[in-house]
N, C-alpha and C. Protein backbone atom coordinates (compact mmCIF):
# COMPACT_ATOMS: atom_id res chain seq x y z
N UNK A 1 -17.11 -49.59 -31.37
CA UNK A 1 -16.56 -49.64 -30.01
C UNK A 1 -15.04 -49.77 -30.08
N UNK A 2 -14.55 -50.68 -30.95
CA UNK A 2 -13.10 -50.85 -31.12
C UNK A 2 -12.50 -49.57 -31.69
N UNK A 3 -13.20 -48.97 -32.60
CA UNK A 3 -12.68 -47.76 -33.22
C UNK A 3 -12.59 -46.65 -32.19
N UNK A 4 -13.59 -46.57 -31.29
CA UNK A 4 -13.56 -45.55 -30.26
C UNK A 4 -12.41 -45.81 -29.31
N UNK A 5 -12.26 -47.09 -28.93
CA UNK A 5 -11.16 -47.46 -28.04
C UNK A 5 -9.82 -47.15 -28.70
N UNK A 6 -9.69 -47.47 -29.99
CA UNK A 6 -8.45 -47.17 -30.72
C UNK A 6 -8.23 -45.66 -30.78
N UNK A 7 -9.31 -44.92 -30.99
CA UNK A 7 -9.20 -43.47 -31.04
C UNK A 7 -8.76 -42.92 -29.68
N UNK A 8 -9.37 -43.46 -28.59
CA UNK A 8 -8.97 -43.03 -27.23
C UNK A 8 -7.51 -43.39 -26.97
N UNK A 9 -7.12 -44.61 -27.34
CA UNK A 9 -5.72 -45.04 -27.14
C UNK A 9 -4.78 -44.15 -27.93
N UNK A 10 -5.17 -43.82 -29.14
CA UNK A 10 -4.32 -42.96 -29.99
C UNK A 10 -4.21 -41.57 -29.36
N UNK A 11 -5.34 -41.06 -28.83
CA UNK A 11 -5.33 -39.74 -28.21
C UNK A 11 -4.43 -39.75 -26.97
N UNK A 12 -4.57 -40.81 -26.16
CA UNK A 12 -3.72 -40.92 -24.97
C UNK A 12 -2.25 -41.02 -25.36
N UNK A 13 -2.00 -41.82 -26.39
CA UNK A 13 -0.60 -41.99 -26.82
C UNK A 13 -0.06 -40.68 -27.36
N UNK A 14 -0.90 -39.94 -28.12
CA UNK A 14 -0.49 -38.65 -28.65
C UNK A 14 -0.22 -37.67 -27.50
N UNK A 15 -1.09 -37.67 -26.47
CA UNK A 15 -0.88 -36.80 -25.31
C UNK A 15 0.42 -37.18 -24.59
N UNK A 16 0.65 -38.49 -24.42
CA UNK A 16 1.90 -38.94 -23.78
C UNK A 16 3.11 -38.50 -24.59
N UNK A 17 3.02 -38.64 -25.91
CA UNK A 17 4.13 -38.23 -26.76
C UNK A 17 4.35 -36.72 -26.69
N UNK A 18 3.23 -35.94 -26.61
CA UNK A 18 3.36 -34.48 -26.49
C UNK A 18 4.05 -34.13 -25.16
N UNK A 19 3.65 -34.84 -24.09
CA UNK A 19 4.28 -34.58 -22.77
C UNK A 19 5.76 -34.91 -22.85
N UNK A 20 6.07 -36.04 -23.50
CA UNK A 20 7.48 -36.44 -23.61
C UNK A 20 8.25 -35.44 -24.46
N UNK A 21 7.65 -34.97 -25.55
CA UNK A 21 8.31 -33.98 -26.41
C UNK A 21 8.52 -32.70 -25.62
N UNK A 22 7.51 -32.27 -24.84
CA UNK A 22 7.66 -31.06 -24.02
C UNK A 22 8.78 -31.23 -23.02
N UNK A 23 8.81 -32.40 -22.41
CA UNK A 23 9.85 -32.68 -21.43
C UNK A 23 11.23 -32.67 -22.08
N UNK A 24 11.32 -33.28 -23.27
CA UNK A 24 12.60 -33.30 -23.99
C UNK A 24 13.01 -31.89 -24.41
N UNK A 25 12.03 -31.05 -24.79
CA UNK A 25 12.33 -29.66 -25.16
C UNK A 25 12.89 -28.92 -23.95
N UNK A 26 12.26 -29.12 -22.78
CA UNK A 26 12.74 -28.48 -21.55
C UNK A 26 14.15 -28.97 -21.23
N UNK A 27 14.35 -30.30 -21.36
CA UNK A 27 15.68 -30.87 -21.09
C UNK A 27 16.71 -30.30 -22.06
N UNK A 28 16.34 -30.16 -23.35
CA UNK A 28 17.25 -29.62 -24.35
C UNK A 28 17.60 -28.18 -24.03
N UNK A 29 16.60 -27.40 -23.64
CA UNK A 29 16.86 -26.00 -23.28
C UNK A 29 17.79 -25.93 -22.07
N UNK A 30 17.55 -26.81 -21.08
CA UNK A 30 18.43 -26.85 -19.91
C UNK A 30 19.84 -27.25 -20.30
N UNK A 31 19.95 -28.23 -21.18
CA UNK A 31 21.28 -28.67 -21.64
C UNK A 31 21.98 -27.55 -22.39
N UNK A 32 21.23 -26.81 -23.23
CA UNK A 32 21.82 -25.68 -23.96
C UNK A 32 22.28 -24.60 -22.98
N UNK A 33 21.48 -24.35 -21.94
CA UNK A 33 21.87 -23.33 -20.95
C UNK A 33 23.14 -23.79 -20.23
N UNK A 34 23.18 -25.08 -19.85
CA UNK A 34 24.36 -25.61 -19.17
C UNK A 34 25.59 -25.55 -20.08
N UNK A 35 25.37 -25.83 -21.38
CA UNK A 35 26.47 -25.76 -22.35
C UNK A 35 27.02 -24.35 -22.42
N UNK A 36 26.10 -23.36 -22.45
CA UNK A 36 26.54 -21.96 -22.48
C UNK A 36 27.34 -21.63 -21.23
N UNK A 37 26.83 -22.08 -20.08
CA UNK A 37 27.53 -21.82 -18.81
C UNK A 37 28.90 -22.50 -18.81
N UNK A 38 28.96 -23.73 -19.29
CA UNK A 38 30.21 -24.48 -19.33
C UNK A 38 31.21 -23.79 -20.26
N UNK A 39 30.72 -23.25 -21.41
CA UNK A 39 31.61 -22.55 -22.33
C UNK A 39 32.16 -21.28 -21.68
N UNK A 40 31.29 -20.55 -20.95
CA UNK A 40 31.75 -19.36 -20.23
C UNK A 40 32.77 -19.73 -19.16
N UNK A 41 32.46 -20.81 -18.43
CA UNK A 41 33.37 -21.28 -17.38
C UNK A 41 34.69 -21.71 -17.99
N UNK A 42 34.62 -22.41 -19.11
CA UNK A 42 35.83 -22.87 -19.80
C UNK A 42 36.68 -21.68 -20.21
N UNK A 43 36.04 -20.65 -20.72
CA UNK A 43 36.76 -19.45 -21.15
C UNK A 43 37.41 -18.79 -19.94
N UNK A 44 36.67 -18.70 -18.83
CA UNK A 44 37.22 -18.09 -17.61
C UNK A 44 38.39 -18.92 -17.09
N UNK A 45 38.22 -20.24 -17.15
CA UNK A 45 39.29 -21.12 -16.66
C UNK A 45 40.54 -21.01 -17.54
N UNK A 46 40.35 -20.86 -18.86
CA UNK A 46 41.52 -20.69 -19.75
C UNK A 46 42.25 -19.41 -19.40
N UNK A 47 41.49 -18.35 -19.15
CA UNK A 47 42.12 -17.08 -18.78
C UNK A 47 42.87 -17.23 -17.47
N UNK A 48 42.22 -17.90 -16.49
CA UNK A 48 42.86 -18.11 -15.19
C UNK A 48 44.11 -18.97 -15.34
N UNK A 49 44.05 -19.99 -16.21
CA UNK A 49 45.20 -20.86 -16.44
C UNK A 49 46.35 -20.08 -17.06
N UNK A 50 46.03 -19.23 -18.03
CA UNK A 50 47.08 -18.42 -18.66
C UNK A 50 47.72 -17.49 -17.64
N UNK A 51 46.89 -16.89 -16.79
CA UNK A 51 47.43 -16.01 -15.74
C UNK A 51 48.27 -16.80 -14.76
N UNK A 52 47.78 -18.00 -14.36
CA UNK A 52 48.53 -18.84 -13.42
C UNK A 52 49.86 -19.27 -14.03
N UNK A 53 49.87 -19.60 -15.31
CA UNK A 53 51.13 -19.97 -15.98
C UNK A 53 52.11 -18.81 -15.99
N UNK A 54 51.60 -17.61 -16.23
CA UNK A 54 52.48 -16.43 -16.22
C UNK A 54 53.02 -16.18 -14.82
N UNK A 55 52.12 -16.29 -13.81
CA UNK A 55 52.56 -16.12 -12.42
C UNK A 55 53.59 -17.18 -12.05
N UNK A 56 53.35 -18.41 -12.51
CA UNK A 56 54.27 -19.51 -12.22
C UNK A 56 55.65 -19.22 -12.80
N UNK A 57 55.69 -18.76 -14.04
CA UNK A 57 56.96 -18.47 -14.70
C UNK A 57 57.71 -17.37 -13.94
N UNK A 58 56.98 -16.33 -13.50
CA UNK A 58 57.62 -15.24 -12.76
C UNK A 58 58.15 -15.75 -11.41
N UNK A 59 57.33 -16.54 -10.72
CA UNK A 59 57.76 -17.09 -9.42
C UNK A 59 58.94 -18.03 -9.58
N UNK A 60 58.92 -18.85 -10.64
CA UNK A 60 60.01 -19.80 -10.86
C UNK A 60 61.31 -19.04 -11.08
N UNK A 61 61.26 -18.00 -11.87
CA UNK A 61 62.48 -17.21 -12.14
C UNK A 61 62.99 -16.60 -10.84
N UNK A 62 62.07 -16.07 -10.02
CA UNK A 62 62.48 -15.46 -8.75
C UNK A 62 63.08 -16.50 -7.81
N UNK A 63 62.42 -17.65 -7.70
CA UNK A 63 62.93 -18.69 -6.79
C UNK A 63 64.24 -19.29 -7.30
N UNK A 64 64.42 -19.36 -8.61
CA UNK A 64 65.70 -19.83 -9.14
C UNK A 64 66.83 -18.88 -8.74
N UNK A 65 66.56 -17.58 -8.82
CA UNK A 65 67.57 -16.60 -8.38
C UNK A 65 67.85 -16.74 -6.89
N UNK A 66 66.77 -16.88 -6.10
CA UNK A 66 66.94 -17.04 -4.64
C UNK A 66 67.69 -18.33 -4.32
N UNK A 67 67.41 -19.38 -5.07
CA UNK A 67 68.07 -20.66 -4.85
C UNK A 67 69.57 -20.54 -5.07
N UNK A 68 69.96 -19.87 -6.13
CA UNK A 68 71.38 -19.67 -6.40
C UNK A 68 72.03 -18.88 -5.27
N UNK A 69 71.32 -17.88 -4.75
CA UNK A 69 71.87 -17.06 -3.67
C UNK A 69 72.00 -17.86 -2.38
N UNK A 70 71.10 -18.80 -2.14
CA UNK A 70 71.10 -19.56 -0.88
C UNK A 70 72.04 -20.76 -0.91
N UNK A 71 72.52 -21.15 -2.09
CA UNK A 71 73.34 -22.35 -2.19
C UNK A 71 74.60 -22.24 -1.33
N UNK A 72 75.29 -21.12 -1.40
CA UNK A 72 76.51 -20.94 -0.59
C UNK A 72 76.17 -20.97 0.89
N UNK A 73 75.06 -20.35 1.24
CA UNK A 73 74.64 -20.33 2.65
C UNK A 73 74.38 -21.76 3.15
N UNK A 74 73.75 -22.57 2.32
CA UNK A 74 73.46 -23.96 2.69
C UNK A 74 74.76 -24.75 2.84
N UNK A 75 75.71 -24.53 1.94
CA UNK A 75 76.99 -25.23 2.02
C UNK A 75 77.72 -24.90 3.31
N UNK A 76 77.69 -23.64 3.70
CA UNK A 76 78.34 -23.23 4.96
C UNK A 76 77.64 -23.89 6.16
N UNK A 77 76.34 -23.92 6.12
CA UNK A 77 75.57 -24.57 7.19
C UNK A 77 75.89 -26.06 7.24
N UNK A 78 76.03 -26.68 6.08
CA UNK A 78 76.37 -28.11 6.02
C UNK A 78 77.73 -28.36 6.66
N UNK A 79 78.70 -27.52 6.37
CA UNK A 79 80.03 -27.68 6.97
C UNK A 79 79.95 -27.55 8.50
N UNK A 80 79.20 -26.56 8.96
CA UNK A 80 79.06 -26.37 10.41
C UNK A 80 78.37 -27.58 11.05
N UNK A 81 77.32 -28.08 10.40
CA UNK A 81 76.59 -29.23 10.94
C UNK A 81 77.46 -30.49 10.95
N UNK A 82 78.29 -30.64 9.94
CA UNK A 82 79.20 -31.79 9.91
C UNK A 82 80.15 -31.73 11.10
N UNK A 83 80.70 -30.55 11.37
CA UNK A 83 81.59 -30.40 12.53
C UNK A 83 80.83 -30.68 13.82
N UNK A 84 79.61 -30.21 13.91
CA UNK A 84 78.80 -30.44 15.10
C UNK A 84 78.47 -31.92 15.27
N UNK A 85 78.24 -32.61 14.16
CA UNK A 85 77.97 -34.06 14.22
C UNK A 85 79.18 -34.79 14.78
N UNK A 86 80.36 -34.42 14.34
CA UNK A 86 81.57 -35.06 14.86
C UNK A 86 81.71 -34.83 16.37
N UNK A 87 81.44 -33.60 16.77
CA UNK A 87 81.52 -33.27 18.20
C UNK A 87 80.50 -34.07 19.01
N UNK A 88 79.29 -34.14 18.50
CA UNK A 88 78.25 -34.88 19.20
C UNK A 88 78.54 -36.38 19.22
N UNK A 89 79.16 -36.88 18.17
CA UNK A 89 79.54 -38.29 18.13
C UNK A 89 80.55 -38.59 19.23
N UNK A 90 81.52 -37.70 19.40
CA UNK A 90 82.50 -37.87 20.48
C UNK A 90 81.81 -37.84 21.84
N UNK A 91 80.91 -36.90 22.01
CA UNK A 91 80.18 -36.83 23.29
C UNK A 91 79.35 -38.09 23.51
N UNK A 92 78.78 -38.62 22.46
CA UNK A 92 77.99 -39.85 22.57
C UNK A 92 78.86 -41.01 23.03
N UNK A 93 80.05 -41.12 22.47
CA UNK A 93 80.96 -42.19 22.90
C UNK A 93 81.32 -42.06 24.37
N UNK A 94 81.59 -40.82 24.80
CA UNK A 94 81.90 -40.59 26.22
C UNK A 94 80.70 -40.97 27.09
N UNK A 95 79.53 -40.61 26.65
CA UNK A 95 78.31 -40.92 27.41
C UNK A 95 78.09 -42.43 27.46
N UNK A 96 78.34 -43.12 26.37
CA UNK A 96 78.20 -44.58 26.36
C UNK A 96 79.17 -45.22 27.34
N UNK A 97 80.43 -44.71 27.36
CA UNK A 97 81.43 -45.24 28.29
C UNK A 97 80.95 -45.04 29.73
N UNK A 98 80.46 -43.83 30.02
CA UNK A 98 79.95 -43.55 31.37
C UNK A 98 78.76 -44.46 31.69
N UNK A 99 77.90 -44.67 30.71
CA UNK A 99 76.73 -45.53 30.93
C UNK A 99 77.16 -46.96 31.22
N UNK A 100 78.17 -47.45 30.50
CA UNK A 100 78.67 -48.80 30.75
C UNK A 100 79.26 -48.92 32.16
N UNK A 101 80.00 -47.89 32.56
CA UNK A 101 80.57 -47.90 33.92
C UNK A 101 79.46 -47.87 34.97
N UNK A 102 78.45 -47.06 34.73
CA UNK A 102 77.33 -47.00 35.66
C UNK A 102 76.58 -48.34 35.71
N UNK A 103 76.48 -49.01 34.58
CA UNK A 103 75.81 -50.32 34.54
C UNK A 103 76.59 -51.33 35.38
N UNK A 104 77.92 -51.29 35.26
CA UNK A 104 78.75 -52.20 36.07
C UNK A 104 78.55 -51.91 37.56
N UNK A 105 78.56 -50.62 37.91
CA UNK A 105 78.36 -50.23 39.31
C UNK A 105 76.99 -50.68 39.78
N UNK A 106 75.99 -50.50 38.94
CA UNK A 106 74.63 -50.92 39.29
C UNK A 106 74.58 -52.41 39.55
N UNK A 107 75.24 -53.19 38.70
CA UNK A 107 75.25 -54.64 38.88
C UNK A 107 75.90 -55.03 40.21
N UNK A 108 77.04 -54.37 40.54
CA UNK A 108 77.70 -54.65 41.82
C UNK A 108 76.78 -54.31 42.98
N UNK A 109 76.12 -53.15 42.89
CA UNK A 109 75.23 -52.73 43.97
C UNK A 109 74.02 -53.66 44.08
N UNK A 110 73.56 -54.16 42.93
CA UNK A 110 72.43 -55.10 42.95
C UNK A 110 72.83 -56.37 43.69
N UNK A 111 74.03 -56.85 43.45
CA UNK A 111 74.52 -58.05 44.15
C UNK A 111 74.61 -57.77 45.65
N UNK A 112 75.16 -56.59 46.00
CA UNK A 112 75.27 -56.23 47.42
C UNK A 112 73.89 -56.14 48.07
N UNK A 113 72.93 -55.57 47.34
CA UNK A 113 71.56 -55.46 47.87
C UNK A 113 70.98 -56.85 48.10
N UNK A 114 71.20 -57.76 47.17
CA UNK A 114 70.70 -59.13 47.34
C UNK A 114 71.31 -59.78 48.58
N UNK A 115 72.63 -59.59 48.74
CA UNK A 115 73.31 -60.17 49.90
C UNK A 115 72.75 -59.57 51.19
N UNK A 116 72.59 -58.23 51.20
CA UNK A 116 72.07 -57.57 52.40
C UNK A 116 70.63 -57.99 52.67
N UNK A 117 69.86 -58.19 51.60
CA UNK A 117 68.48 -58.62 51.75
C UNK A 117 68.45 -60.02 52.37
N UNK A 118 69.35 -60.88 51.91
CA UNK A 118 69.42 -62.23 52.49
C UNK A 118 69.79 -62.16 53.96
N UNK A 119 70.77 -61.30 54.29
CA UNK A 119 71.15 -61.14 55.70
C UNK A 119 69.99 -60.58 56.51
N UNK A 120 69.26 -59.64 55.94
CA UNK A 120 68.11 -59.05 56.63
C UNK A 120 67.04 -60.10 56.86
N UNK A 121 66.78 -60.93 55.84
CA UNK A 121 65.79 -62.00 56.00
C UNK A 121 66.20 -62.95 57.11
N UNK A 122 67.50 -63.29 57.15
CA UNK A 122 68.00 -64.18 58.21
C UNK A 122 67.83 -63.51 59.57
N UNK A 123 68.16 -62.22 59.66
CA UNK A 123 68.02 -61.50 60.93
C UNK A 123 66.56 -61.44 61.35
N UNK A 124 65.66 -61.22 60.37
CA UNK A 124 64.23 -61.18 60.70
C UNK A 124 63.75 -62.53 61.21
N UNK A 125 64.22 -63.62 60.61
CA UNK A 125 63.85 -64.95 61.08
C UNK A 125 64.36 -65.18 62.50
N UNK A 126 65.59 -64.70 62.74
CA UNK A 126 66.16 -64.83 64.09
C UNK A 126 65.34 -64.02 65.09
N UNK A 127 64.92 -62.83 64.70
CA UNK A 127 64.11 -61.99 65.59
C UNK A 127 62.78 -62.69 65.89
N UNK A 128 62.17 -63.26 64.86
CA UNK A 128 60.89 -63.96 65.07
C UNK A 128 61.10 -65.12 66.04
N UNK A 129 62.18 -65.89 65.83
CA UNK A 129 62.47 -67.03 66.71
C UNK A 129 62.72 -66.56 68.13
N UNK A 130 63.53 -65.50 68.28
CA UNK A 130 63.84 -65.00 69.63
C UNK A 130 62.59 -64.42 70.30
N UNK A 131 61.72 -63.80 69.49
CA UNK A 131 60.47 -63.26 70.04
C UNK A 131 59.60 -64.39 70.57
N UNK A 132 59.53 -65.49 69.81
CA UNK A 132 58.75 -66.65 70.27
C UNK A 132 59.34 -67.22 71.55
N UNK A 133 60.68 -67.34 71.58
CA UNK A 133 61.35 -67.87 72.78
C UNK A 133 61.10 -66.95 73.97
N UNK A 134 61.16 -65.63 73.71
CA UNK A 134 60.97 -64.66 74.79
C UNK A 134 59.56 -64.78 75.35
N UNK A 135 58.57 -64.93 74.45
CA UNK A 135 57.19 -65.08 74.92
C UNK A 135 57.03 -66.37 75.73
N UNK A 136 57.68 -67.44 75.25
CA UNK A 136 57.60 -68.71 75.98
C UNK A 136 58.25 -68.57 77.35
N UNK A 137 59.41 -67.88 77.39
CA UNK A 137 60.09 -67.69 78.68
C UNK A 137 59.28 -66.78 79.60
N UNK A 138 58.65 -65.74 79.04
CA UNK A 138 57.81 -64.87 79.86
C UNK A 138 56.63 -65.65 80.43
N UNK A 139 56.06 -66.53 79.57
CA UNK A 139 54.93 -67.35 80.04
C UNK A 139 55.39 -68.29 81.15
N UNK A 140 56.57 -68.92 80.93
CA UNK A 140 57.10 -69.82 81.96
C UNK A 140 57.42 -69.05 83.23
N UNK A 141 57.97 -67.85 83.07
CA UNK A 141 58.29 -67.01 84.23
C UNK A 141 57.02 -66.65 84.99
N UNK A 142 55.96 -66.31 84.25
CA UNK A 142 54.69 -65.97 84.90
C UNK A 142 54.14 -67.17 85.64
N UNK A 143 54.26 -68.36 85.03
CA UNK A 143 53.80 -69.59 85.71
C UNK A 143 54.61 -69.83 86.98
N UNK A 144 55.92 -69.66 86.88
CA UNK A 144 56.78 -69.85 88.06
C UNK A 144 56.47 -68.81 89.13
N UNK A 145 56.20 -67.59 88.72
CA UNK A 145 55.88 -66.53 89.68
C UNK A 145 54.58 -66.85 90.41
N UNK A 146 53.56 -67.34 89.65
CA UNK A 146 52.31 -67.75 90.28
C UNK A 146 52.53 -68.91 91.26
N UNK A 147 53.34 -69.86 90.84
CA UNK A 147 53.64 -71.02 91.71
C UNK A 147 54.37 -70.56 92.96
N UNK A 148 55.29 -69.61 92.76
CA UNK A 148 56.04 -69.06 93.88
C UNK A 148 55.09 -68.35 94.84
N UNK A 149 54.15 -67.56 94.25
CA UNK A 149 53.19 -66.85 95.09
C UNK A 149 52.32 -67.84 95.85
N UNK A 150 51.91 -68.93 95.19
CA UNK A 150 51.09 -69.95 95.85
C UNK A 150 51.85 -70.61 96.99
N UNK A 151 53.13 -70.94 96.68
CA UNK A 151 53.94 -71.60 97.71
C UNK A 151 54.22 -70.65 98.88
N UNK A 152 54.43 -69.38 98.57
CA UNK A 152 54.67 -68.40 99.63
C UNK A 152 53.43 -68.27 100.50
N UNK A 153 52.27 -68.28 99.84
CA UNK A 153 51.02 -68.21 100.59
C UNK A 153 50.86 -69.44 101.47
N UNK A 154 51.17 -70.61 100.95
CA UNK A 154 51.08 -71.84 101.74
C UNK A 154 52.04 -71.81 102.91
N UNK A 155 53.27 -71.33 102.68
CA UNK A 155 54.27 -71.26 103.75
C UNK A 155 53.75 -70.32 104.83
N UNK A 156 53.18 -69.18 104.48
CA UNK A 156 52.64 -68.24 105.48
C UNK A 156 51.48 -68.88 106.23
N UNK A 157 50.65 -69.59 105.47
CA UNK A 157 49.50 -70.25 106.13
C UNK A 157 49.99 -71.32 107.10
N UNK A 158 50.99 -72.07 106.69
CA UNK A 158 51.53 -73.11 107.57
C UNK A 158 52.22 -72.48 108.77
N UNK A 159 52.92 -71.41 108.58
CA UNK A 159 53.60 -70.76 109.69
C UNK A 159 52.55 -70.15 110.64
N UNK A 160 51.46 -69.66 110.10
CA UNK A 160 50.41 -69.10 110.97
C UNK A 160 49.76 -70.20 111.76
N UNK A 161 49.58 -71.34 111.17
CA UNK A 161 48.96 -72.46 111.87
C UNK A 161 49.91 -73.01 112.91
N UNK A 162 51.20 -73.03 112.65
CA UNK A 162 52.19 -73.58 113.56
C UNK A 162 52.62 -72.52 114.57
N UNK A 163 52.47 -71.40 114.28
CA UNK A 163 53.01 -70.37 114.99
C UNK A 163 52.70 -69.75 116.18
């Protein structure tokens, strides 16, 4: 029984090892295929690098020539820009002076506005007070008018009775 079990275990282990060996063989073949592809890619990349280096050298030589040709042009532009900077600096100073003058004028006008606002507030308070007085006087006038009408009616009634 033990021998049979050992034989079965050995057979299973041998089958497992065969599966593992098959798997490793497949992995090795895949790795070899990838290695071949990588070597081909490496060769292509070396060729591309050599071509890129040659292109770079040609472009560098061309741009170096262009750079030398543009240097004088850049210097002339720099001189013009320097002159323009000086001109703009002068304009900036003039603008700052104008801005300072405008700020002073604004401050004066702000003070005047505050004073006028205070006067307006005082005038509005006076208007409110006068409006209240006017309403009170109108009310008193209406009361006096009613009293006058009552007294006039009484005088007519008395004159009619005496009359």
